[in-house]
C-alpha atoms as a PDB file:
ATOM      1  CA  MET A   1      57.885  92.485  51.986  1.00  0.00           C
ATOM      2  CA  ASP A   2      55.997  89.392  52.943  1.00  0.00           C
ATOM      3  CA  ASN A   3      59.149  87.881  54.316  1.00  0.00           C
ATOM      4  CA  ARG A   4      59.499  90.623  56.874  1.00  0.00           C
ATOM      5  CA  LYS A   5      56.031  90.088  58.260  1.00  0.00           C
ATOM      6  CA  ASN A   6      56.535  86.355  58.592  1.00  0.00           C
ATOM      7  CA  GLN A   7      59.778  86.710  60.576  1.00  0.00           C
ATOM      8  CA  ARG A   8      59.342  86.806  64.278  1.00  0.00           C
ATOM      9  CA  PHE A   9      60.666  89.748  66.174  1.00  0.00           C
ATOM     10  CA  SER A  10      62.957  88.626  68.998  1.00  0.00           C
ATOM     11  CA  PRO A  11      64.174  91.239  71.466  1.00  0.00           C
ATOM     12  CA  PRO A  12      67.842  91.172  72.352  1.00  0.00           C
ATOM     13  CA  ALA A  13      68.781  89.014  75.346  1.00  0.00           C
ATOM     14  CA  VAL A  14      69.114  91.342  78.322  1.00  0.00           C
ATOM     15  CA  GLY A  15      68.790  88.842  81.164  1.00  0.00           C
ATOM     16  CA  GLY A  16      72.528  88.488  81.762  1.00  0.00           C
ATOM     17  CA  ALA A  17      73.228  92.207  81.529  1.00  0.00           C
ATOM     18  CA  SER A  18      70.323  93.022  83.857  1.00  0.00           C
ATOM     19  CA  LEU A  19      71.590  90.481  86.355  1.00  0.00           C
ATOM     20  CA  LEU A  20      75.051  92.046  86.280  1.00  0.00           C
ATOM     21  CA  VAL A  21      73.605  95.535  86.781  1.00  0.00           C
ATOM     22  CA  VAL A  22      71.493  94.360  89.736  1.00  0.00           C
ATOM     23  CA  PHE A  23      74.534  92.655  91.265  1.00  0.00           C
ATOM     24  CA  ALA A  24      76.682  95.770  90.769  1.00  0.00           C
ATOM     25  CA  VAL A  25      74.035  97.995  92.380  1.00  0.00           C
ATOM     26  CA  LEU A  26      73.734  95.568  95.298  1.00  0.00           C
ATOM     27  CA  CYS A  27      77.523  95.539  95.791  1.00  0.00           C
ATOM     28  CA  LEU A  28      77.728  99.324  95.661  1.00  0.00           C
ATOM     29  CA  THR A  29      74.898  99.597  98.202  1.00  0.00           C
ATOM     30  CA  VAL A  30      76.656  97.216 100.591  1.00  0.00           C
ATOM     31  CA  PHE A  31      79.954  99.096 100.208  1.00  0.00           C
ATOM     32  CA  ALA A  32      78.175 102.397 100.840  1.00  0.00           C
ATOM     33  CA  LEU A  33      76.603 101.034 104.034  1.00  0.00           C
ATOM     34  CA  LEU A  34      79.958  99.673 105.202  1.00  0.00           C
ATOM     35  CA  SER A  35      81.571 103.049 104.531  1.00  0.00           C
ATOM     36  CA  LEU A  36      78.833 104.840 106.457  1.00  0.00           C
ATOM     37  CA  THR A  37      79.275 102.488 109.424  1.00  0.00           C
ATOM     38  CA  THR A  38      83.038 103.009 109.376  1.00  0.00           C
ATOM     39  CA  VAL A  39      82.647 106.791 109.296  1.00  0.00           C
ATOM     40  CA  GLN A  40      80.230 106.691 112.238  1.00  0.00           C
ATOM     41  CA  ALA A  41      82.665 104.545 114.242  1.00  0.00           C
ATOM     42  CA  ASP A  42      85.524 106.928 113.394  1.00  0.00           C
ATOM     43  CA  VAL A  43      83.446 109.900 114.556  1.00  0.00           C
ATOM     44  CA  ARG A  44      82.660 108.175 117.874  1.00  0.00           C
ATOM     45  CA  LEU A  45      86.350 107.328 118.338  1.00  0.00           C
ATOM     46  CA  ALA A  46      87.414 110.894 117.517  1.00  0.00           C
ATOM     47  CA  ASP A  47      84.848 112.307 119.959  1.00  0.00           C
ATOM     48  CA  ALA A  48      86.077 109.970 122.703  1.00  0.00           C
ATOM     49  CA  SER A  49      89.664 110.960 121.955  1.00  0.00           C
ATOM     50  CA  VAL A  50      88.814 114.668 122.095  1.00  0.00           C
ATOM     51  CA  GLN A  51      87.042 114.156 125.424  1.00  0.00           C
ATOM     52  CA  ALA A  52      89.991 112.180 126.862  1.00  0.00           C
ATOM     53  CA  VAL A  53      92.470 114.894 125.856  1.00  0.00           C
ATOM     54  CA  ALA A  54      90.220 117.656 127.234  1.00  0.00           C
ATOM     55  CA  ASP A  55      89.819 115.761 130.521  1.00  0.00           C
ATOM     56  CA  TYR A  56      93.591 115.241 130.822  1.00  0.00           C
ATOM     57  CA  TYR A  57      94.373 118.900 130.212  1.00  0.00           C
ATOM     58  CA  ALA A  58      91.681 119.981 132.694  1.00  0.00           C
ATOM     59  CA  ALA A  59      93.334 117.778 135.333  1.00  0.00           C
ATOM     60  CA  ASP A  60      96.751 119.112 134.306  1.00  0.00           C
ATOM     61  CA  LEU A  61      95.503 122.684 134.738  1.00  0.00           C
ATOM     62  CA  GLU A  62      94.167 121.825 138.186  1.00  0.00           C
ATOM     63  CA  ALA A  63      97.524 120.242 139.135  1.00  0.00           C
ATOM     64  CA  GLN A  64      99.427 123.276 137.843  1.00  0.00           C
ATOM     65  CA  THR A  65      97.141 125.568 139.864  1.00  0.00           C
ATOM     66  CA  ILE A  66      97.800 123.558 143.030  1.00  0.00           C
ATOM     67  CA  LEU A  67     101.547 123.662 142.334  1.00  0.00           C
ATOM     68  CA  ALA A  68     101.407 127.442 141.911  1.00  0.00           C
ATOM     69  CA  ARG A  69      99.577 127.755 145.235  1.00  0.00           C
ATOM     70  CA  LEU A  70     102.201 125.531 146.898  1.00  0.00           C
ATOM     71  CA  ARG A  71     104.987 127.689 145.507  1.00  0.00           C
ATOM     72  CA  ALA A  72     103.208 130.771 146.866  1.00  0.00           C
ATOM     73  CA  GLY A  73     103.385 129.276 150.363  1.00  0.00           C
ATOM     74  CA  GLU A  74      99.765 128.128 150.629  1.00  0.00           C
ATOM     75  CA  GLN A  75      98.651 124.732 151.840  1.00  0.00           C
ATOM     76  CA  PRO A  76      95.781 123.745 149.525  1.00  0.00           C
ATOM     77  CA  GLU A  77      93.198 121.249 150.656  1.00  0.00           C
ATOM     78  CA  GLY A  78      93.804 117.661 149.548  1.00  0.00           C
ATOM     79  CA  VAL A  79      97.603 117.961 149.503  1.00  0.00           C
ATOM     80  CA  ALA A  80      99.568 115.566 151.736  1.00  0.00           C
ATOM     81  CA  PHE A  81     102.855 116.848 153.116  1.00  0.00           C
ATOM     82  CA  SER A  82     105.738 114.699 154.338  1.00  0.00           C
ATOM     83  CA  GLY A  83     109.469 114.918 154.982  1.00  0.00           C
ATOM     84  CA  SER A  84     111.616 116.566 157.589  1.00  0.00           C
ATOM     85  CA  GLY A  85     114.408 118.398 155.764  1.00  0.00           C
ATOM     86  CA  LEU A  86     112.729 118.659 152.393  1.00  0.00           C
ATOM     87  CA  LEU A  87     109.025 119.222 152.145  1.00  0.00           C
ATOM     88  CA  ARG A  88     107.325 116.734 149.853  1.00  0.00           C
ATOM     89  CA  ALA A  89     103.803 117.519 148.640  1.00  0.00           C
ATOM     90  CA  GLU A  90     101.664 114.801 147.057  1.00  0.00           C
ATOM     91  CA  TYR A  91      98.231 115.205 145.508  1.00  0.00           C
ATOM     92  CA  THR A  92      95.976 113.748 142.836  1.00  0.00           C
ATOM     93  CA  CYS A  93      93.661 115.301 140.289  1.00  0.00           C
ATOM     94  CA  ARG A  94      90.811 113.312 138.752  1.00  0.00           C
ATOM     95  CA  ILE A  95      91.011 112.880 134.968  1.00  0.00           C
ATOM     96  CA  SER A  96      88.061 110.539 134.473  1.00  0.00           C
ATOM     97  CA  ASP A  97      86.186 107.777 136.267  1.00  0.00           C
ATOM     98  CA  THR A  98      89.079 105.416 135.618  1.00  0.00           C
ATOM     99  CA  GLN A  99      92.137 107.699 135.614  1.00  0.00           C
ATOM    100  CA  GLU A 100      93.803 110.245 137.844  1.00  0.00           C
ATOM    101  CA  LEU A 101      96.862 112.465 137.655  1.00  0.00           C
ATOM    102  CA  GLN A 102      99.259 111.787 140.536  1.00  0.00           C
ATOM    103  CA  VAL A 103     101.732 114.513 141.433  1.00  0.00           C
ATOM    104  CA  SER A 104     104.647 114.445 143.844  1.00  0.00           C
ATOM    105  CA  VAL A 105     106.729 117.617 144.305  1.00  0.00           C
ATOM    106  CA  ILE A 106     109.699 118.440 146.539  1.00  0.00           C
ATOM    107  CA  LEU A 107     109.623 122.049 147.693  1.00  0.00           C
ATOM    108  CA  ARG A 108     112.825 123.836 148.772  1.00  0.00           C
ATOM    109  CA  GLY A 109     113.637 127.341 149.837  1.00  0.00           C
ATOM    110  CA  ILE A 110     111.406 130.056 151.128  1.00  0.00           C
ATOM    111  CA  ALA A 111     107.768 129.456 150.159  1.00  0.00           C
ATOM    112  CA  GLY A 112     108.788 126.751 147.704  1.00  0.00           C
ATOM    113  CA  GLN A 113     110.589 129.043 145.263  1.00  0.00           C
ATOM    114  CA  ASP A 114     112.763 126.105 144.247  1.00  0.00           C
ATOM    115  CA  TYR A 115     110.948 122.888 143.492  1.00  0.00           C
ATOM    116  CA  GLN A 116     111.506 119.538 141.823  1.00  0.00           C
ATOM    117  CA  ILE A 117     108.734 117.456 140.304  1.00  0.00           C
ATOM    118  CA  GLU A 118     109.229 113.823 141.236  1.00  0.00           C
ATOM    119  CA  ARG A 119     106.072 112.480 139.663  1.00  0.00           C
ATOM    120  CA  TRP A 120     103.523 113.859 137.223  1.00  0.00           C
ATOM    121  CA  GLN A 121     101.792 110.789 135.904  1.00  0.00           C
ATOM    122  CA  ALA A 122      98.376 109.655 134.715  1.00  0.00           C
ATOM    123  CA  VAL A 123      97.549 106.337 136.392  1.00  0.00           C
ATOM    124  CA  PRO A 124      94.469 104.116 136.605  1.00  0.00           C
ATOM    125  CA  SER A 125      92.280 104.931 139.584  1.00  0.00           C
ATOM    126  CA  VAL A 126      90.548 101.550 139.705  1.00  0.00           C
ATOM    127  CA  GLU A 127      92.128  98.207 140.438  1.00  0.00           C
ATOM    128  CA  TRP A 128      92.484  95.908 137.429  1.00  0.00           C
ATOM    129  CA  GLU A 129      90.664  92.612 137.780  1.00  0.00           C
ATOM    130  CA  SER A 130      91.444  89.701 135.517  1.00  0.00           C
ATOM    131  CA  ASP A 131      88.608  87.727 133.983  1.00  0.00           C
ATOM    132  CA  GLU A 132      89.186  84.053 134.686  1.00  0.00           C
ATOM    133  CA  SER A 133      85.807  82.930 133.359  1.00  0.00           C
ATOM    134  CA  LEU A 134      87.063  81.810 129.946  1.00  0.00           C
ATOM    135  CA  ASP A 135      86.136  78.165 129.323  1.00  0.00           C
ATOM    136  CA  LEU A 136      88.764  76.463 127.204  1.00  0.00           C
ATOM    137  CA  TRP A 137      88.581  73.068 125.595  1.00  0.00           C
ATOM    138  CA  ASP A 138      90.678  70.607 127.601  1.00  0.00           C
ATOM    139  CA  GLY A 139      91.143  68.178 124.717  1.00  0.00           C
ATOM    140  CA  ALA A 140      88.579  65.658 125.927  1.00  0.00           C
ATOM    141  CA  PRO A 141      86.092  64.361 123.380  1.00  0.00           C
ATOM    142  CA  PHE A 142      82.662  65.912 123.355  1.00  0.00           C
END
């Protein structure tokens, strides 16, 4: 019994295991934050996509409404007419700040009963400008 009292009690070595647990928790926390950031970016992208589709279909509805009025014999405001034998009607509908729906229709017959769509296209409404301000290394030493 005396032997047991004289022996020193040494706790098991937990330094390495604790370090591994701390590292694992740190890694899982970083991965969780990265996942949260990715989900937030995906939500913003999905919202922008939904808005772009809604804007396009609103412009498409407006263009279809104008076409129906043209076929009924009306002359809606904002429609340009040209042509001598065939009546060509051209108009645009705004999709967004940077896009518009351009429509060109040939109307035939009485009150445009027969028609042919020449163009129904979403195009940029602003002119593209290249950025020439990129400074590249010309190979000369610093």
